[in-house]
Amino acid sequence: MHMSEINLLTDVLVKILRLTFIAPRPYKTASPPTTKGVTLPMWAAKLMGVVIEKIGPKGLEYARFSTDSHFTRNYLYTRRNHPEKIEAHVPEFAKRIVGQYKLPEK
């Protein structure tokens, strides 16, 4: 599976989940985290895991996919919550990886 196919698959899964399954849930802890989270219902998370396991990347491709997704997640978190720290906290190689993807403006 090539990187473009992985990107397309990821984009499609994210759009489907955003339109169908993802719903904000209130936190049940006494002290909620500083940002509101969005969670998947457990059945949707398990279904997504099965689909990714069957048709998703394997081996080195999975490692690249995982690295890219973690860099992107961390970059988005920093950009949304601490935009003044982007230059100090995001190294140039991570910016190049994240720059390959169409990220939301906000």
N, C-alpha and C. Protein backbone atom coordinates (compact mmCIF):
# COMPACT_ATOMS: atom_id res chain seq x y z
N MET A 1 0.85 -1.17 0.00
CA MET A 1 0.00 0.00 0.00
C MET A 1 0.90 1.23 0.00
N HIS A 2 0.67 2.13 -0.93
CA HIS A 2 1.49 3.34 -1.02
C HIS A 2 0.97 4.41 -0.07
N MET A 3 1.81 5.40 0.19
CA MET A 3 1.45 6.46 1.11
C MET A 3 0.21 7.21 0.65
N SER A 4 0.04 7.42 -0.66
CA SER A 4 -1.14 8.13 -1.16
C SER A 4 -2.41 7.32 -0.87
N GLU A 5 -2.32 6.00 -0.97
CA GLU A 5 -3.47 5.16 -0.66
C GLU A 5 -3.79 5.21 0.83
N ILE A 6 -2.77 5.24 1.66
CA ILE A 6 -2.96 5.33 3.10
C ILE A 6 -3.61 6.66 3.45
N ASN A 7 -3.12 7.75 2.82
CA ASN A 7 -3.71 9.07 3.07
C ASN A 7 -5.17 9.10 2.67
N LEU A 8 -5.49 8.53 1.51
CA LEU A 8 -6.86 8.50 1.04
C LEU A 8 -7.73 7.68 1.99
N LEU A 9 -7.25 6.52 2.40
CA LEU A 9 -7.99 5.67 3.33
C LEU A 9 -8.23 6.40 4.64
N THR A 10 -7.21 7.05 5.15
CA THR A 10 -7.35 7.78 6.40
C THR A 10 -8.35 8.91 6.27
N ASP A 11 -8.27 9.67 5.17
CA ASP A 11 -9.22 10.77 4.95
C ASP A 11 -10.65 10.27 4.89
N VAL A 12 -10.86 9.16 4.18
CA VAL A 12 -12.21 8.61 4.06
C VAL A 12 -12.73 8.15 5.42
N LEU A 13 -11.90 7.42 6.17
CA LEU A 13 -12.33 6.95 7.50
C LEU A 13 -12.65 8.11 8.42
N VAL A 14 -11.83 9.14 8.41
CA VAL A 14 -12.06 10.30 9.27
C VAL A 14 -13.37 10.99 8.89
N LYS A 15 -13.62 11.18 7.60
CA LYS A 15 -14.87 11.82 7.17
C LYS A 15 -16.08 10.99 7.56
N ILE A 16 -16.00 9.69 7.38
CA ILE A 16 -17.12 8.83 7.76
C ILE A 16 -17.37 8.92 9.26
N LEU A 17 -16.30 8.86 10.04
CA LEU A 17 -16.46 8.91 11.49
C LEU A 17 -16.98 10.26 11.95
N ARG A 18 -16.52 11.34 11.34
CA ARG A 18 -17.00 12.66 11.73
C ARG A 18 -18.48 12.80 11.42
N LEU A 19 -18.91 12.29 10.28
CA LEU A 19 -20.31 12.43 9.88
C LEU A 19 -21.23 11.50 10.65
N THR A 20 -20.72 10.37 11.08
CA THR A 20 -21.60 9.34 11.61
C THR A 20 -21.47 9.09 13.11
N PHE A 21 -20.25 8.84 13.58
CA PHE A 21 -20.10 8.26 14.90
C PHE A 21 -19.61 9.19 16.00
N ILE A 22 -18.81 10.17 15.65
CA ILE A 22 -18.14 10.94 16.69
C ILE A 22 -19.11 11.92 17.33
N ALA A 23 -19.20 11.84 18.63
CA ALA A 23 -20.03 12.76 19.38
C ALA A 23 -19.30 13.14 20.65
N PRO A 24 -19.26 14.43 20.97
CA PRO A 24 -18.60 14.82 22.22
C PRO A 24 -19.31 14.17 23.41
N ARG A 25 -18.53 13.73 24.36
CA ARG A 25 -19.10 13.12 25.56
C ARG A 25 -18.63 13.91 26.77
N PRO A 26 -19.52 14.10 27.74
CA PRO A 26 -19.08 14.79 28.95
C PRO A 26 -18.13 13.90 29.75
N TYR A 27 -17.20 14.53 30.43
CA TYR A 27 -16.26 13.77 31.25
C TYR A 27 -16.93 13.35 32.54
N LYS A 28 -16.61 12.15 33.00
CA LYS A 28 -17.21 11.62 34.21
C LYS A 28 -16.27 11.70 35.40
N THR A 29 -15.16 12.38 35.23
CA THR A 29 -14.20 12.50 36.32
C THR A 29 -14.48 13.78 37.10
N ALA A 30 -13.94 13.85 38.30
CA ALA A 30 -14.14 15.03 39.14
C ALA A 30 -13.43 16.24 38.56
N SER A 31 -12.26 16.03 37.97
CA SER A 31 -11.52 17.15 37.39
C SER A 31 -11.27 16.86 35.91
N PRO A 32 -12.07 17.45 35.02
CA PRO A 32 -11.91 17.18 33.60
C PRO A 32 -10.60 17.74 33.06
N PRO A 33 -10.11 17.19 31.96
CA PRO A 33 -8.90 17.71 31.34
C PRO A 33 -9.10 19.16 30.90
N THR A 34 -8.02 19.81 30.53
CA THR A 34 -8.10 21.23 30.18
C THR A 34 -8.76 21.45 28.83
N THR A 35 -8.81 20.45 27.96
CA THR A 35 -9.47 20.60 26.66
C THR A 35 -10.57 19.57 26.54
N LYS A 36 -11.61 19.92 25.80
CA LYS A 36 -12.70 18.98 25.58
C LYS A 36 -12.27 17.93 24.58
N GLY A 37 -12.51 16.68 24.90
CA GLY A 37 -12.14 15.60 24.01
C GLY A 37 -13.32 15.09 23.22
N VAL A 38 -13.02 14.41 22.15
CA VAL A 38 -14.03 13.76 21.34
C VAL A 38 -13.66 12.29 21.31
N THR A 39 -14.60 11.43 21.64
CA THR A 39 -14.29 10.01 21.70
C THR A 39 -15.21 9.23 20.77
N LEU A 40 -14.73 8.07 20.38
CA LEU A 40 -15.53 7.15 19.57
C LEU A 40 -16.26 6.20 20.50
N PRO A 41 -17.45 5.79 20.13
CA PRO A 41 -18.06 4.70 20.88
C PRO A 41 -17.15 3.46 20.75
N MET A 42 -17.13 2.62 21.76
CA MET A 42 -16.22 1.47 21.77
C MET A 42 -16.44 0.57 20.56
N TRP A 43 -17.68 0.36 20.17
CA TRP A 43 -17.94 -0.52 19.03
C TRP A 43 -17.35 0.06 17.75
N ALA A 44 -17.40 1.40 17.60
CA ALA A 44 -16.85 2.03 16.41
C ALA A 44 -15.32 1.94 16.42
N ALA A 45 -14.72 2.10 17.60
CA ALA A 45 -13.26 2.00 17.71
C ALA A 45 -12.79 0.58 17.37
N LYS A 46 -13.52 -0.42 17.85
CA LYS A 46 -13.16 -1.82 17.55
C LYS A 46 -13.33 -2.11 16.06
N LEU A 47 -14.43 -1.62 15.47
CA LEU A 47 -14.66 -1.81 14.04
C LEU A 47 -13.56 -1.15 13.22
N MET A 48 -13.19 0.04 13.60
CA MET A 48 -12.11 0.74 12.90
C MET A 48 -10.80 -0.04 13.03
N GLY A 49 -10.54 -0.60 14.21
CA GLY A 49 -9.33 -1.40 14.41
C GLY A 49 -9.30 -2.62 13.51
N VAL A 50 -10.43 -3.29 13.35
CA VAL A 50 -10.50 -4.47 12.49
C VAL A 50 -10.27 -4.07 11.03
N VAL A 51 -10.91 -2.99 10.60
CA VAL A 51 -10.75 -2.54 9.22
C VAL A 51 -9.30 -2.16 8.94
N ILE A 52 -8.69 -1.41 9.84
CA ILE A 52 -7.30 -1.00 9.64
C ILE A 52 -6.37 -2.21 9.64
N GLU A 53 -6.65 -3.18 10.51
CA GLU A 53 -5.82 -4.39 10.55
C GLU A 53 -5.92 -5.18 9.24
N LYS A 54 -7.11 -5.24 8.66
CA LYS A 54 -7.30 -6.02 7.43
C LYS A 54 -6.75 -5.32 6.19
N ILE A 55 -7.00 -4.02 6.05
CA ILE A 55 -6.62 -3.34 4.81
C ILE A 55 -5.57 -2.26 5.01
N GLY A 56 -5.19 -2.02 6.25
CA GLY A 56 -4.25 -0.96 6.53
C GLY A 56 -2.80 -1.34 6.28
N PRO A 57 -1.91 -0.42 6.57
CA PRO A 57 -0.49 -0.67 6.32
C PRO A 57 0.09 -1.72 7.26
N LYS A 58 1.14 -2.38 6.81
CA LYS A 58 1.82 -3.42 7.61
C LYS A 58 3.30 -3.09 7.67
N GLY A 59 3.97 -3.57 8.68
CA GLY A 59 5.42 -3.46 8.80
C GLY A 59 5.93 -2.03 8.78
N LEU A 60 6.88 -1.79 7.88
CA LEU A 60 7.51 -0.47 7.78
C LEU A 60 6.50 0.61 7.39
N GLU A 61 5.54 0.26 6.53
CA GLU A 61 4.50 1.23 6.16
C GLU A 61 3.68 1.63 7.37
N TYR A 62 3.38 0.66 8.25
CA TYR A 62 2.64 0.99 9.47
C TYR A 62 3.47 1.90 10.36
N ALA A 63 4.75 1.64 10.45
CA ALA A 63 5.63 2.49 11.27
C ALA A 63 5.62 3.93 10.75
N ARG A 64 5.68 4.10 9.44
CA ARG A 64 5.64 5.45 8.85
C ARG A 64 4.29 6.10 9.12
N PHE A 65 3.23 5.34 8.90
CA PHE A 65 1.88 5.84 9.14
C PHE A 65 1.72 6.28 10.60
N SER A 66 2.18 5.44 11.51
CA SER A 66 2.06 5.74 12.94
C SER A 66 2.86 6.98 13.32
N THR A 67 4.07 7.08 12.80
CA THR A 67 4.91 8.25 13.08
C THR A 67 4.25 9.51 12.56
N ASP A 68 3.77 9.46 11.32
CA ASP A 68 3.11 10.64 10.73
C ASP A 68 1.88 11.04 11.54
N SER A 69 1.07 10.07 11.93
CA SER A 69 -0.16 10.40 12.65
C SER A 69 0.14 11.00 14.03
N HIS A 70 1.18 10.50 14.70
CA HIS A 70 1.53 11.05 16.01
C HIS A 70 2.12 12.45 15.89
N PHE A 71 2.98 12.67 14.90
CA PHE A 71 3.51 14.03 14.68
C PHE A 71 2.37 14.99 14.38
N THR A 72 1.44 14.55 13.53
CA THR A 72 0.32 15.42 13.15
C THR A 72 -0.56 15.72 14.35
N ARG A 73 -0.88 14.71 15.14
CA ARG A 73 -1.71 14.92 16.33
C ARG A 73 -1.05 15.91 17.29
N ASN A 74 0.24 15.71 17.55
CA ASN A 74 0.95 16.59 18.48
C ASN A 74 1.08 18.01 17.93
N TYR A 75 1.31 18.13 16.62
CA TYR A 75 1.41 19.45 16.00
C TYR A 75 0.09 20.19 16.12
N LEU A 76 -1.02 19.50 15.82
CA LEU A 76 -2.33 20.14 15.91
C LEU A 76 -2.64 20.57 17.35
N TYR A 77 -2.29 19.73 18.30
CA TYR A 77 -2.52 20.09 19.70
C TYR A 77 -1.74 21.36 20.06
N THR A 78 -0.48 21.40 19.68
CA THR A 78 0.35 22.56 20.00
C THR A 78 -0.17 23.80 19.29
N ARG A 79 -0.54 23.66 18.03
CA ARG A 79 -1.03 24.81 17.27
C ARG A 79 -2.33 25.35 17.84
N ARG A 80 -3.20 24.47 18.30
CA ARG A 80 -4.49 24.92 18.85
C ARG A 80 -4.39 25.50 20.25
N ASN A 81 -3.55 24.89 21.08
CA ASN A 81 -3.52 25.26 22.50
C ASN A 81 -2.36 26.16 22.89
N HIS A 82 -1.26 26.10 22.15
CA HIS A 82 -0.09 26.91 22.47
C HIS A 82 0.59 27.39 21.19
N PRO A 83 -0.11 28.19 20.37
CA PRO A 83 0.47 28.60 19.08
C PRO A 83 1.78 29.37 19.22
N GLU A 84 1.98 30.02 20.33
CA GLU A 84 3.21 30.79 20.54
C GLU A 84 4.43 29.88 20.72
N LYS A 85 4.20 28.60 20.98
CA LYS A 85 5.30 27.67 21.23
C LYS A 85 5.67 26.80 20.02
N ILE A 86 4.98 27.00 18.89
CA ILE A 86 5.24 26.16 17.71
C ILE A 86 6.71 26.19 17.31
N GLU A 87 7.29 27.35 17.18
CA GLU A 87 8.67 27.46 16.72
C GLU A 87 9.65 26.77 17.67
N ALA A 88 9.40 26.89 18.96
CA ALA A 88 10.32 26.32 19.96
C ALA A 88 10.12 24.82 20.15
N HIS A 89 8.91 24.33 19.94
CA HIS A 89 8.60 22.94 20.30
C HIS A 89 8.46 21.97 19.13
N VAL A 90 8.33 22.50 17.92
CA VAL A 90 8.17 21.61 16.77
C VAL A 90 9.42 21.69 15.91
N PRO A 91 10.19 20.60 15.85
CA PRO A 91 11.41 20.62 15.05
C PRO A 91 11.11 20.66 13.55
N GLU A 92 12.11 21.07 12.79
CA GLU A 92 11.95 21.24 11.34
C GLU A 92 11.54 19.95 10.64
N PHE A 93 12.11 18.80 11.04
CA PHE A 93 11.75 17.55 10.37
C PHE A 93 10.28 17.21 10.62
N ALA A 94 9.75 17.54 11.79
CA ALA A 94 8.34 17.29 12.07
C ALA A 94 7.46 18.21 11.23
N LYS A 95 7.88 19.44 11.03
CA LYS A 95 7.12 20.38 10.18
C LYS A 95 7.07 19.87 8.75
N ARG A 96 8.16 19.26 8.26
CA ARG A 96 8.16 18.72 6.90
C ARG A 96 7.18 17.55 6.79
N ILE A 97 7.15 16.70 7.80
CA ILE A 97 6.21 15.57 7.79
C ILE A 97 4.77 16.08 7.82
N VAL A 98 4.48 16.99 8.72
CA VAL A 98 3.13 17.52 8.87
C VAL A 98 2.72 18.32 7.63
N GLY A 99 3.67 18.96 6.98
CA GLY A 99 3.39 19.76 5.80
C GLY A 99 2.88 18.97 4.61
N GLN A 100 3.00 17.66 4.64
CA GLN A 100 2.51 16.81 3.55
C GLN A 100 0.99 16.68 3.55
N TYR A 101 0.34 17.06 4.65
CA TYR A 101 -1.08 16.81 4.81
C TYR A 101 -1.88 18.11 4.80
N LYS A 102 -3.13 18.02 4.34
CA LYS A 102 -4.05 19.15 4.37
C LYS A 102 -4.70 19.18 5.75
N LEU A 103 -4.23 20.07 6.59
CA LEU A 103 -4.75 20.14 7.95
C LEU A 103 -5.79 21.25 8.05
N PRO A 104 -6.74 21.10 8.96
CA PRO A 104 -7.74 22.15 9.15
C PRO A 104 -7.08 23.43 9.66
N GLU A 105 -7.67 24.55 9.32
CA GLU A 105 -7.12 25.84 9.74
C GLU A 105 -7.22 26.04 11.25
N LYS A 106 -8.29 25.58 11.85
CA LYS A 106 -8.47 25.76 13.30
C LYS A 106 -8.38 24.45 14.02
